Amino acid sequence: MSVNATSAPTPYRPLMESVVIKVDARGLEPPQPLVLILEALGRLPSGGELHARTDRRPLHLYPLLEQRGFRSETTEAPDHGFITVIRSQH
């Protein structure tokens, strides 16, 4: 389990930096991945992204994200599990 934040320039605003928080919740039993991701979202600044790695598709997370004003996209990771990218809808 790890959480870290990095800054990366966006292709549309090369002078502005976007914060990316990465959460690795692989190897955790439910509901720990959900809790870890929601805690990290509390630290996500406006315009930032959260990239969550999980062993399972986070089906229970999607309605909670929608209620909180976030949108997400989940893809299958090439090495194992899933990657969910979460952004604010604002």
PDB file of N, CA and C in Angstrom:
ATOM      1  N   MET A   1       0.848  -1.158   0.000  1.00  0.00           N
ATOM      2  CA  MET A   1       0.000   0.000   0.000  1.00  0.00           C
ATOM      3  C   MET A   1       0.895   1.221   0.000  1.00  0.00           C
ATOM      4  N   SER A   2       0.648   2.156  -0.938  1.00  0.00           N
ATOM      5  CA  SER A   2       1.428   3.377  -0.944  1.00  0.00           C
ATOM      6  C   SER A   2       0.597   4.508  -1.510  1.00  0.00           C
ATOM      7  N   VAL A   3       0.917   5.693  -1.070  1.00  0.00           N
ATOM      8  CA  VAL A   3       0.265   6.901  -1.555  1.00  0.00           C
ATOM      9  C   VAL A   3       1.368   7.915  -1.781  1.00  0.00           C
ATOM     10  N   ASN A   4       1.384   8.522  -2.981  1.00  0.00           N
ATOM     11  CA  ASN A   4       2.338   9.588  -3.207  1.00  0.00           C
ATOM     12  C   ASN A   4       1.754  10.585  -4.182  1.00  0.00           C
ATOM     13  N   ALA A   5       2.287  11.775  -4.196  1.00  0.00           N
ATOM     14  CA  ALA A   5       1.804  12.826  -5.086  1.00  0.00           C
ATOM     15  C   ALA A   5       2.968  13.297  -5.943  1.00  0.00           C
ATOM     16  N   THR A   6       2.677  13.515  -7.213  1.00  0.00           N
ATOM     17  CA  THR A   6       3.674  14.040  -8.119  1.00  0.00           C
ATOM     18  C   THR A   6       3.047  15.154  -8.930  1.00  0.00           C
ATOM     19  N   SER A   7       3.858  16.010  -9.477  1.00  0.00           N
ATOM     20  CA  SER A   7       3.372  17.069 -10.353  1.00  0.00           C
ATOM     21  C   SER A   7       3.802  16.769 -11.773  1.00  0.00           C
ATOM     22  N   ALA A   8       2.891  16.984 -12.684  1.00  0.00           N
ATOM     23  CA  ALA A   8       3.213  16.748 -14.089  1.00  0.00           C
ATOM     24  C   ALA A   8       2.573  17.846 -14.921  1.00  0.00           C
ATOM     25  N   PRO A   9       3.293  18.391 -15.902  1.00  0.00           N
ATOM     26  CA  PRO A   9       2.680  19.407 -16.747  1.00  0.00           C
ATOM     27  C   PRO A   9       1.565  18.798 -17.586  1.00  0.00           C
ATOM     28  N   THR A  10       0.501  19.553 -17.772  1.00  0.00           N
ATOM     29  CA  THR A  10      -0.588  19.086 -18.618  1.00  0.00           C
ATOM     30  C   THR A  10      -0.302  19.503 -20.052  1.00  0.00           C
ATOM     31  N   PRO A  11      -0.779  18.753 -21.037  1.00  0.00           N
ATOM     32  CA  PRO A  11      -0.470  19.104 -22.425  1.00  0.00           C
ATOM     33  C   PRO A  11      -1.115  20.408 -22.860  1.00  0.00           C
ATOM     34  N   TYR A  12      -2.184  20.846 -22.213  1.00  0.00           N
ATOM     35  CA  TYR A  12      -2.897  22.043 -22.629  1.00  0.00           C
ATOM     36  C   TYR A  12      -2.412  23.293 -21.909  1.00  0.00           C
ATOM     37  N   ARG A  13      -1.745  23.135 -20.779  1.00  0.00           N
ATOM     38  CA  ARG A  13      -1.243  24.255 -20.000  1.00  0.00           C
ATOM     39  C   ARG A  13       0.194  23.944 -19.577  1.00  0.00           C
ATOM     40  N   PRO A  14       1.140  24.114 -20.482  1.00  0.00           N
ATOM     41  CA  PRO A  14       2.497  23.704 -20.164  1.00  0.00           C
ATOM     42  C   PRO A  14       3.112  24.474 -18.995  1.00  0.00           C
ATOM     43  N   LEU A  15       2.629  25.681 -18.691  1.00  0.00           N
ATOM     44  CA  LEU A  15       3.189  26.465 -17.598  1.00  0.00           C
ATOM     45  C   LEU A  15       2.547  26.138 -16.258  1.00  0.00           C
ATOM     46  N   MET A  16       1.393  25.507 -16.273  1.00  0.00           N
ATOM     47  CA  MET A  16       0.694  25.140 -15.047  1.00  0.00           C
ATOM     48  C   MET A  16       1.030  23.680 -14.735  1.00  0.00           C
ATOM     49  N   GLU A  17       1.049  23.329 -13.461  1.00  0.00           N
ATOM     50  CA  GLU A  17       1.294  21.943 -13.089  1.00  0.00           C
ATOM     51  C   GLU A  17       0.044  21.357 -12.482  1.00  0.00           C
ATOM     52  N   SER A  18      -0.189  20.095 -12.760  1.00  0.00           N
ATOM     53  CA  SER A  18      -1.335  19.373 -12.226  1.00  0.00           C
ATOM     54  C   SER A  18      -0.823  18.346 -11.219  1.00  0.00           C
ATOM     55  N   VAL A  19      -1.476  18.284 -10.074  1.00  0.00           N
ATOM     56  CA  VAL A  19      -1.082  17.331  -9.044  1.00  0.00           C
ATOM     57  C   VAL A  19      -1.713  15.979  -9.348  1.00  0.00           C
ATOM     58  N   VAL A  20      -0.906  14.924  -9.266  1.00  0.00           N
ATOM     59  CA  VAL A  20      -1.389  13.554  -9.418  1.00  0.00           C
ATOM     60  C   VAL A  20      -1.058  12.813  -8.130  1.00  0.00           C
ATOM     61  N   ILE A  21      -2.091  12.316  -7.471  1.00  0.00           N
ATOM     62  CA  ILE A  21      -1.899  11.485  -6.290  1.00  0.00           C
ATOM     63  C   ILE A  21      -2.036  10.037  -6.728  1.00  0.00           C
ATOM     64  N   LYS A  22      -1.056   9.216  -6.386  1.00  0.00           N
ATOM     65  CA  LYS A  22      -1.086   7.802  -6.753  1.00  0.00           C
ATOM     66  C   LYS A  22      -1.331   6.968  -5.499  1.00  0.00           C
ATOM     67  N   VAL A  23      -2.316   6.079  -5.591  1.00  0.00           N
ATOM     68  CA  VAL A  23      -2.669   5.198  -4.484  1.00  0.00           C
ATOM     69  C   VAL A  23      -2.529   3.761  -4.966  1.00  0.00           C
ATOM     70  N   ASP A  24      -1.709   2.989  -4.281  1.00  0.00           N
ATOM     71  CA  ASP A  24      -1.562   1.571  -4.598  1.00  0.00           C
ATOM     72  C   ASP A  24      -2.254   0.784  -3.496  1.00  0.00           C
ATOM     73  N   ALA A  25      -3.467   0.306  -3.789  1.00  0.00           N
ATOM     74  CA  ALA A  25      -4.275  -0.422  -2.802  1.00  0.00           C
ATOM     75  C   ALA A  25      -4.308  -1.918  -3.099  1.00  0.00           C
ATOM     76  N   ARG A  26      -3.373  -2.388  -3.904  1.00  0.00           N
ATOM     77  CA  ARG A  26      -3.320  -3.813  -4.214  1.00  0.00           C
ATOM     78  C   ARG A  26      -2.918  -4.594  -2.967  1.00  0.00           C
ATOM     79  N   GLY A  27      -3.465  -5.790  -2.838  1.00  0.00           N
ATOM     80  CA  GLY A  27      -3.129  -6.652  -1.722  1.00  0.00           C
ATOM     81  C   GLY A  27      -3.957  -6.398  -0.469  1.00  0.00           C
ATOM     82  N   LEU A  28      -4.828  -5.416  -0.519  1.00  0.00           N
ATOM     83  CA  LEU A  28      -5.680  -5.106   0.630  1.00  0.00           C
ATOM     84  C   LEU A  28      -7.038  -5.772   0.468  1.00  0.00           C
ATOM     85  N   GLU A  29      -7.627  -6.160   1.573  1.00  0.00           N
ATOM     86  CA  GLU A  29      -8.960  -6.757   1.552  1.00  0.00           C
ATOM     87  C   GLU A  29     -10.021  -5.660   1.658  1.00  0.00           C
ATOM     88  N   PRO A  30     -11.144  -5.842   0.968  1.00  0.00           N
ATOM     89  CA  PRO A  30     -12.237  -4.870   1.090  1.00  0.00           C
ATOM     90  C   PRO A  30     -12.679  -4.742   2.536  1.00  0.00           C
ATOM     91  N   PRO A  31     -13.026  -3.564   2.981  1.00  0.00           N
ATOM     92  CA  PRO A  31     -13.175  -2.293   2.258  1.00  0.00           C
ATOM     93  C   PRO A  31     -11.938  -1.409   2.305  1.00  0.00           C
ATOM     94  N   GLN A  32     -10.778  -1.939   2.664  1.00  0.00           N
ATOM     95  CA  GLN A  32      -9.581  -1.110   2.812  1.00  0.00           C
ATOM     96  C   GLN A  32      -9.211  -0.310   1.571  1.00  0.00           C
ATOM     97  N   PRO A  33      -9.265  -0.880   0.347  1.00  0.00           N
ATOM     98  CA  PRO A  33      -8.959  -0.061  -0.827  1.00  0.00           C
ATOM     99  C   PRO A  33      -9.908   1.137  -0.965  1.00  0.00           C
ATOM    100  N   LEU A  34     -11.176   0.913  -0.727  1.00  0.00           N
ATOM    101  CA  LEU A  34     -12.175   1.979  -0.818  1.00  0.00           C
ATOM    102  C   LEU A  34     -11.859   3.087   0.188  1.00  0.00           C
ATOM    103  N   VAL A  35     -11.573   2.706   1.418  1.00  0.00           N
ATOM    104  CA  VAL A  35     -11.272   3.680   2.473  1.00  0.00           C
ATOM    105  C   VAL A  35     -10.011   4.465   2.121  1.00  0.00           C
ATOM    106  N   LEU A  36      -8.968   3.781   1.672  1.00  0.00           N
ATOM    107  CA  LEU A  36      -7.709   4.429   1.316  1.00  0.00           C
ATOM    108  C   LEU A  36      -7.906   5.442   0.187  1.00  0.00           C
ATOM    109  N   ILE A  37      -8.671   5.065  -0.822  1.00  0.00           N
ATOM    110  CA  ILE A  37      -8.917   5.953  -1.959  1.00  0.00           C
ATOM    111  C   ILE A  37      -9.716   7.180  -1.517  1.00  0.00           C
ATOM    112  N   LEU A  38     -10.763   6.979  -0.732  1.00  0.00           N
ATOM    113  CA  LEU A  38     -11.575   8.114  -0.270  1.00  0.00           C
ATOM    114  C   LEU A  38     -10.767   9.048   0.623  1.00  0.00           C
ATOM    115  N   GLU A  39      -9.895   8.513   1.462  1.00  0.00           N
ATOM    116  CA  GLU A  39      -9.026   9.358   2.288  1.00  0.00           C
ATOM    117  C   GLU A  39      -8.094  10.196   1.414  1.00  0.00           C
ATOM    118  N   ALA A  40      -7.539   9.588   0.381  1.00  0.00           N
ATOM    119  CA  ALA A  40      -6.638  10.315  -0.522  1.00  0.00           C
ATOM    120  C   ALA A  40      -7.380  11.394  -1.290  1.00  0.00           C
ATOM    121  N   LEU A  41      -8.636  11.147  -1.640  1.00  0.00           N
ATOM    122  CA  LEU A  41      -9.431  12.166  -2.340  1.00  0.00           C
ATOM    123  C   LEU A  41      -9.593  13.419  -1.496  1.00  0.00           C
ATOM    124  N   GLY A  42      -9.600  13.257  -0.183  1.00  0.00           N
ATOM    125  CA  GLY A  42      -9.704  14.408   0.711  1.00  0.00           C
ATOM    126  C   GLY A  42      -8.503  15.338   0.616  1.00  0.00           C
ATOM    127  N   ARG A  43      -7.385  14.859   0.095  1.00  0.00           N
ATOM    128  CA  ARG A  43      -6.166  15.666  -0.079  1.00  0.00           C
ATOM    129  C   ARG A  43      -5.982  16.143  -1.518  1.00  0.00           C
ATOM    130  N   LEU A  44      -6.900  15.788  -2.389  1.00  0.00           N
ATOM    131  CA  LEU A  44      -6.755  16.120  -3.809  1.00  0.00           C
ATOM    132  C   LEU A  44      -7.135  17.579  -4.054  1.00  0.00           C
ATOM    133  N   PRO A  45      -6.202  18.389  -4.551  1.00  0.00           N
ATOM    134  CA  PRO A  45      -6.538  19.788  -4.834  1.00  0.00           C
ATOM    135  C   PRO A  45      -7.388  19.904  -6.097  1.00  0.00           C
ATOM    136  N   SER A  46      -8.050  21.027  -6.217  1.00  0.00           N
ATOM    137  CA  SER A  46      -8.859  21.296  -7.410  1.00  0.00           C
ATOM    138  C   SER A  46      -7.990  21.167  -8.654  1.00  0.00           C
ATOM    139  N   GLY A  47      -8.487  20.459  -9.648  1.00  0.00           N
ATOM    140  CA  GLY A  47      -7.745  20.262 -10.890  1.00  0.00           C
ATOM    141  C   GLY A  47      -6.788  19.090 -10.860  1.00  0.00           C
ATOM    142  N   GLY A  48      -6.647  18.439  -9.715  1.00  0.00           N
ATOM    143  CA  GLY A  48      -5.739  17.308  -9.599  1.00  0.00           C
ATOM    144  C   GLY A  48      -6.394  16.011 -10.037  1.00  0.00           C
ATOM    145  N   GLU A  49      -5.592  14.975 -10.087  1.00  0.00           N
ATOM    146  CA  GLU A  49      -6.064  13.627 -10.440  1.00  0.00           C
ATOM    147  C   GLU A  49      -5.588  12.639  -9.387  1.00  0.00           C
ATOM    148  N   LEU A  50      -6.376  11.602  -9.191  1.00  0.00           N
ATOM    149  CA  LEU A  50      -5.974  10.498  -8.337  1.00  0.00           C
ATOM    150  C   LEU A  50      -5.926   9.247  -9.206  1.00  0.00           C
ATOM    151  N   HIS A  51      -4.814   8.524  -9.146  1.00  0.00           N
ATOM    152  CA  HIS A  51      -4.642   7.274  -9.888  1.00  0.00           C
ATOM    153  C   HIS A  51      -4.586   6.151  -8.862  1.00  0.00           C
ATOM    154  N   ALA A  52      -5.605   5.300  -8.863  1.00  0.00           N
ATOM    155  CA  ALA A  52      -5.702   4.226  -7.871  1.00  0.00           C
ATOM    156  C   ALA A  52      -5.469   2.870  -8.528  1.00  0.00           C
ATOM    157  N   ARG A  53      -4.553   2.087  -7.949  1.00  0.00           N
ATOM    158  CA  ARG A  53      -4.296   0.714  -8.398  1.00  0.00           C
ATOM    159  C   ARG A  53      -5.005  -0.222  -7.436  1.00  0.00           C
ATOM    160  N   THR A  54      -5.826  -1.117  -7.952  1.00  0.00           N
ATOM    161  CA  THR A  54      -6.558  -2.074  -7.126  1.00  0.00           C
ATOM    162  C   THR A  54      -6.511  -3.454  -7.768  1.00  0.00           C
ATOM    163  N   ASP A  55      -6.737  -4.472  -6.946  1.00  0.00           N
ATOM    164  CA  ASP A  55      -6.775  -5.841  -7.455  1.00  0.00           C
ATOM    165  C   ASP A  55      -8.084  -6.136  -8.172  1.00  0.00           C
ATOM    166  N   ARG A  56      -9.148  -5.466  -7.731  1.00  0.00           N
ATOM    167  CA  ARG A  56     -10.488  -5.696  -8.296  1.00  0.00           C
ATOM    168  C   ARG A  56     -11.030  -4.391  -8.869  1.00  0.00           C
ATOM    169  N   ARG A  57     -11.974  -4.508  -9.782  1.00  0.00           N
ATOM    170  CA  ARG A  57     -12.654  -3.311 -10.286  1.00  0.00           C
ATOM    171  C   ARG A  57     -13.440  -2.725  -9.106  1.00  0.00           C
ATOM    172  N   PRO A  58     -13.256  -1.425  -8.786  1.00  0.00           N
ATOM    173  CA  PRO A  58     -13.853  -0.845  -7.584  1.00  0.00           C
ATOM    174  C   PRO A  58     -15.325  -0.443  -7.762  1.00  0.00           C
ATOM    175  N   LEU A  59     -16.179  -1.435  -7.934  1.00  0.00           N
ATOM    176  CA  LEU A  59     -17.590  -1.179  -8.233  1.00  0.00           C
ATOM    177  C   LEU A  59     -18.296  -0.368  -7.153  1.00  0.00           C
ATOM    178  N   HIS A  60     -17.960  -0.583  -5.884  1.00  0.00           N
ATOM    179  CA  HIS A  60     -18.618   0.140  -4.800  1.00  0.00           C
ATOM    180  C   HIS A  60     -18.129   1.593  -4.699  1.00  0.00           C
ATOM    181  N   LEU A  61     -17.020   1.898  -5.331  1.00  0.00           N
ATOM    182  CA  LEU A  61     -16.467   3.243  -5.300  1.00  0.00           C
ATOM    183  C   LEU A  61     -17.227   4.198  -6.223  1.00  0.00           C
ATOM    184  N   TYR A  62     -17.702   3.711  -7.362  1.00  0.00           N
ATOM    185  CA  TYR A  62     -18.285   4.584  -8.380  1.00  0.00           C
ATOM    186  C   TYR A  62     -19.444   5.445  -7.873  1.00  0.00           C
ATOM    187  N   PRO A  63     -20.446   4.896  -7.178  1.00  0.00           N
ATOM    188  CA  PRO A  63     -21.534   5.770  -6.710  1.00  0.00           C
ATOM    189  C   PRO A  63     -21.059   6.787  -5.669  1.00  0.00           C
ATOM    190  N   LEU A  64     -20.067   6.433  -4.863  1.00  0.00           N
ATOM    191  CA  LEU A  64     -19.539   7.372  -3.871  1.00  0.00           C
ATOM    192  C   LEU A  64     -18.807   8.524  -4.549  1.00  0.00           C
ATOM    193  N   LEU A  65     -18.098   8.223  -5.617  1.00  0.00           N
ATOM    194  CA  LEU A  65     -17.420   9.283  -6.372  1.00  0.00           C
ATOM    195  C   LEU A  65     -18.436  10.229  -6.997  1.00  0.00           C
ATOM    196  N   GLU A  66     -19.470   9.676  -7.593  1.00  0.00           N
ATOM    197  CA  GLU A  66     -20.497  10.500  -8.219  1.00  0.00           C
ATOM    198  C   GLU A  66     -21.163  11.424  -7.201  1.00  0.00           C
ATOM    199  N   GLN A  67     -21.466  10.894  -6.029  1.00  0.00           N
ATOM    200  CA  GLN A  67     -22.087  11.702  -4.971  1.00  0.00           C
ATOM    201  C   GLN A  67     -21.186  12.859  -4.541  1.00  0.00           C
ATOM    202  N   ARG A  68     -19.885  12.664  -4.624  1.00  0.00           N
ATOM    203  CA  ARG A  68     -18.920  13.672  -4.180  1.00  0.00           C
ATOM    204  C   ARG A  68     -18.468  14.595  -5.308  1.00  0.00           C
ATOM    205  N   GLY A  69     -19.014  14.421  -6.505  1.00  0.00           N
ATOM    206  CA  GLY A  69     -18.674  15.301  -7.617  1.00  0.00           C
ATOM    207  C   GLY A  69     -17.424  14.922  -8.386  1.00  0.00           C
ATOM    208  N   PHE A  70     -17.089  13.634  -8.394  1.00  0.00           N
ATOM    209  CA  PHE A  70     -15.936  13.156  -9.149  1.00  0.00           C
ATOM    210  C   PHE A  70     -16.387  12.281 -10.307  1.00  0.00           C
ATOM    211  N   ARG A  71     -15.541  12.202 -11.327  1.00  0.00           N
ATOM    212  CA  ARG A  71     -15.764  11.245 -12.414  1.00  0.00           C
ATOM    213  C   ARG A  71     -14.560  10.327 -12.459  1.00  0.00           C
ATOM    214  N   SER A  72     -14.777   9.139 -12.981  1.00  0.00           N
ATOM    215  CA  SER A  72     -13.683   8.174 -12.981  1.00  0.00           C
ATOM    216  C   SER A  72     -13.696   7.336 -14.236  1.00  0.00           C
ATOM    217  N   GLU A  73     -12.538   6.780 -14.514  1.00  0.00           N
ATOM    218  CA  GLU A  73     -12.375   5.851 -15.632  1.00  0.00           C
ATOM    219  C   GLU A  73     -11.467   4.728 -15.161  1.00  0.00           C
ATOM    220  N   THR A  74     -11.939   3.500 -15.295  1.00  0.00           N
ATOM    221  CA  THR A  74     -11.159   2.345 -14.856  1.00  0.00           C
ATOM    222  C   THR A  74     -10.741   1.522 -16.061  1.00  0.00           C
ATOM    223  N   THR A  75      -9.456   1.163 -16.091  1.00  0.00           N
ATOM    224  CA  THR A  75      -8.938   0.300 -17.147  1.00  0.00           C
ATOM    225  C   THR A  75      -8.199  -0.864 -16.496  1.00  0.00           C
ATOM    226  N   GLU A  76      -8.131  -1.956 -17.211  1.00  0.00           N
ATOM    227  CA  GLU A  76      -7.399  -3.113 -16.723  1.00  0.00           C
ATOM    228  C   GLU A  76      -5.909  -2.835 -16.891  1.00  0.00           C
ATOM    229  N   ALA A  77      -5.160  -3.082 -15.832  1.00  0.00           N
ATOM    230  CA  ALA A  77      -3.714  -2.867 -15.868  1.00  0.00           C
ATOM    231  C   ALA A  77      -3.046  -4.009 -16.630  1.00  0.00           C
ATOM    232  N   PRO A  78      -2.014  -3.720 -17.397  1.00  0.00           N
ATOM    233  CA  PRO A  78      -1.361  -4.782 -18.175  1.00  0.00           C
ATOM    234  C   PRO A  78      -0.667  -5.830 -17.304  1.00  0.00           C
ATOM    235  N   ASP A  79      -0.232  -5.433 -16.120  1.00  0.00           N
ATOM    236  CA  ASP A  79       0.505  -6.379 -15.274  1.00  0.00           C
ATOM    237  C   ASP A  79      -0.387  -7.108 -14.275  1.00  0.00           C
ATOM    238  N   HIS A  80      -1.483  -6.504 -13.837  1.00  0.00           N
ATOM    239  CA  HIS A  80      -2.415  -7.157 -12.922  1.00  0.00           C
ATOM    240  C   HIS A  80      -3.321  -6.098 -12.301  1.00  0.00           C
ATOM    241  N   GLY A  81      -4.567  -6.407 -12.144  1.00  0.00           N
ATOM    242  CA  GLY A  81      -5.481  -5.511 -11.457  1.00  0.00           C
ATOM    243  C   GLY A  81      -6.042  -4.430 -12.349  1.00  0.00           C
ATOM    244  N   PHE A  82      -6.377  -3.302 -11.707  1.00  0.00           N
ATOM    245  CA  PHE A  82      -7.049  -2.207 -12.397  1.00  0.00           C
ATOM    246  C   PHE A  82      -6.453  -0.877 -11.987  1.00  0.00           C
ATOM    247  N   ILE A  83      -6.553   0.095 -12.893  1.00  0.00           N
ATOM    248  CA  ILE A  83      -6.148   1.467 -12.621  1.00  0.00           C
ATOM    249  C   ILE A  83      -7.380   2.340 -12.811  1.00  0.00           C
ATOM    250  N   THR A  84      -7.724   3.087 -11.778  1.00  0.00           N
ATOM    251  CA  THR A  84      -8.855   4.004 -11.842  1.00  0.00           C
ATOM    252  C   THR A  84      -8.305   5.423 -11.747  1.00  0.00           C
ATOM    253  N   VAL A  85      -8.625   6.235 -12.748  1.00  0.00           N
ATOM    254  CA  VAL A  85      -8.228   7.654 -12.753  1.00  0.00           C
ATOM    255  C   VAL A  85      -9.463   8.444 -12.331  1.00  0.00           C
ATOM    256  N   ILE A  86      -9.294   9.263 -11.295  1.00  0.00           N
ATOM    257  CA  ILE A  86     -10.402  10.014 -10.718  1.00  0.00           C
ATOM    258  C   ILE A  86     -10.089  11.506 -10.849  1.00  0.00           C
ATOM    259  N   ARG A  87     -11.084  12.264 -11.339  1.00  0.00           N
ATOM    260  CA  ARG A  87     -10.961  13.711 -11.506  1.00  0.00           C
ATOM    261  C   ARG A  87     -12.226  14.370 -10.985  1.00  0.00           C
ATOM    262  N   SER A  88     -12.098  15.611 -10.584  1.00  0.00           N
ATOM    263  CA  SER A  88     -13.257  16.387 -10.174  1.00  0.00           C
ATOM    264  C   SER A  88     -14.093  16.729 -11.405  1.00  0.00           C
ATOM    265  N   GLN A  89     -15.409  16.752 -11.253  1.00  0.00           N
ATOM    266  CA  GLN A  89     -16.277  17.133 -12.369  1.00  0.00           C
ATOM    267  C   GLN A  89     -16.344  18.642 -12.528  1.00  0.00           C
ATOM    268  N   HIS A  90     -15.804  19.384 -11.588  1.00  0.00           N
ATOM    269  CA  HIS A  90     -15.886  20.860 -11.623  1.00  0.00           C
ATOM    270  C   HIS A  90     -14.803  21.441 -12.447  1.00  0.00           C
TER     271      HIS A  90
END
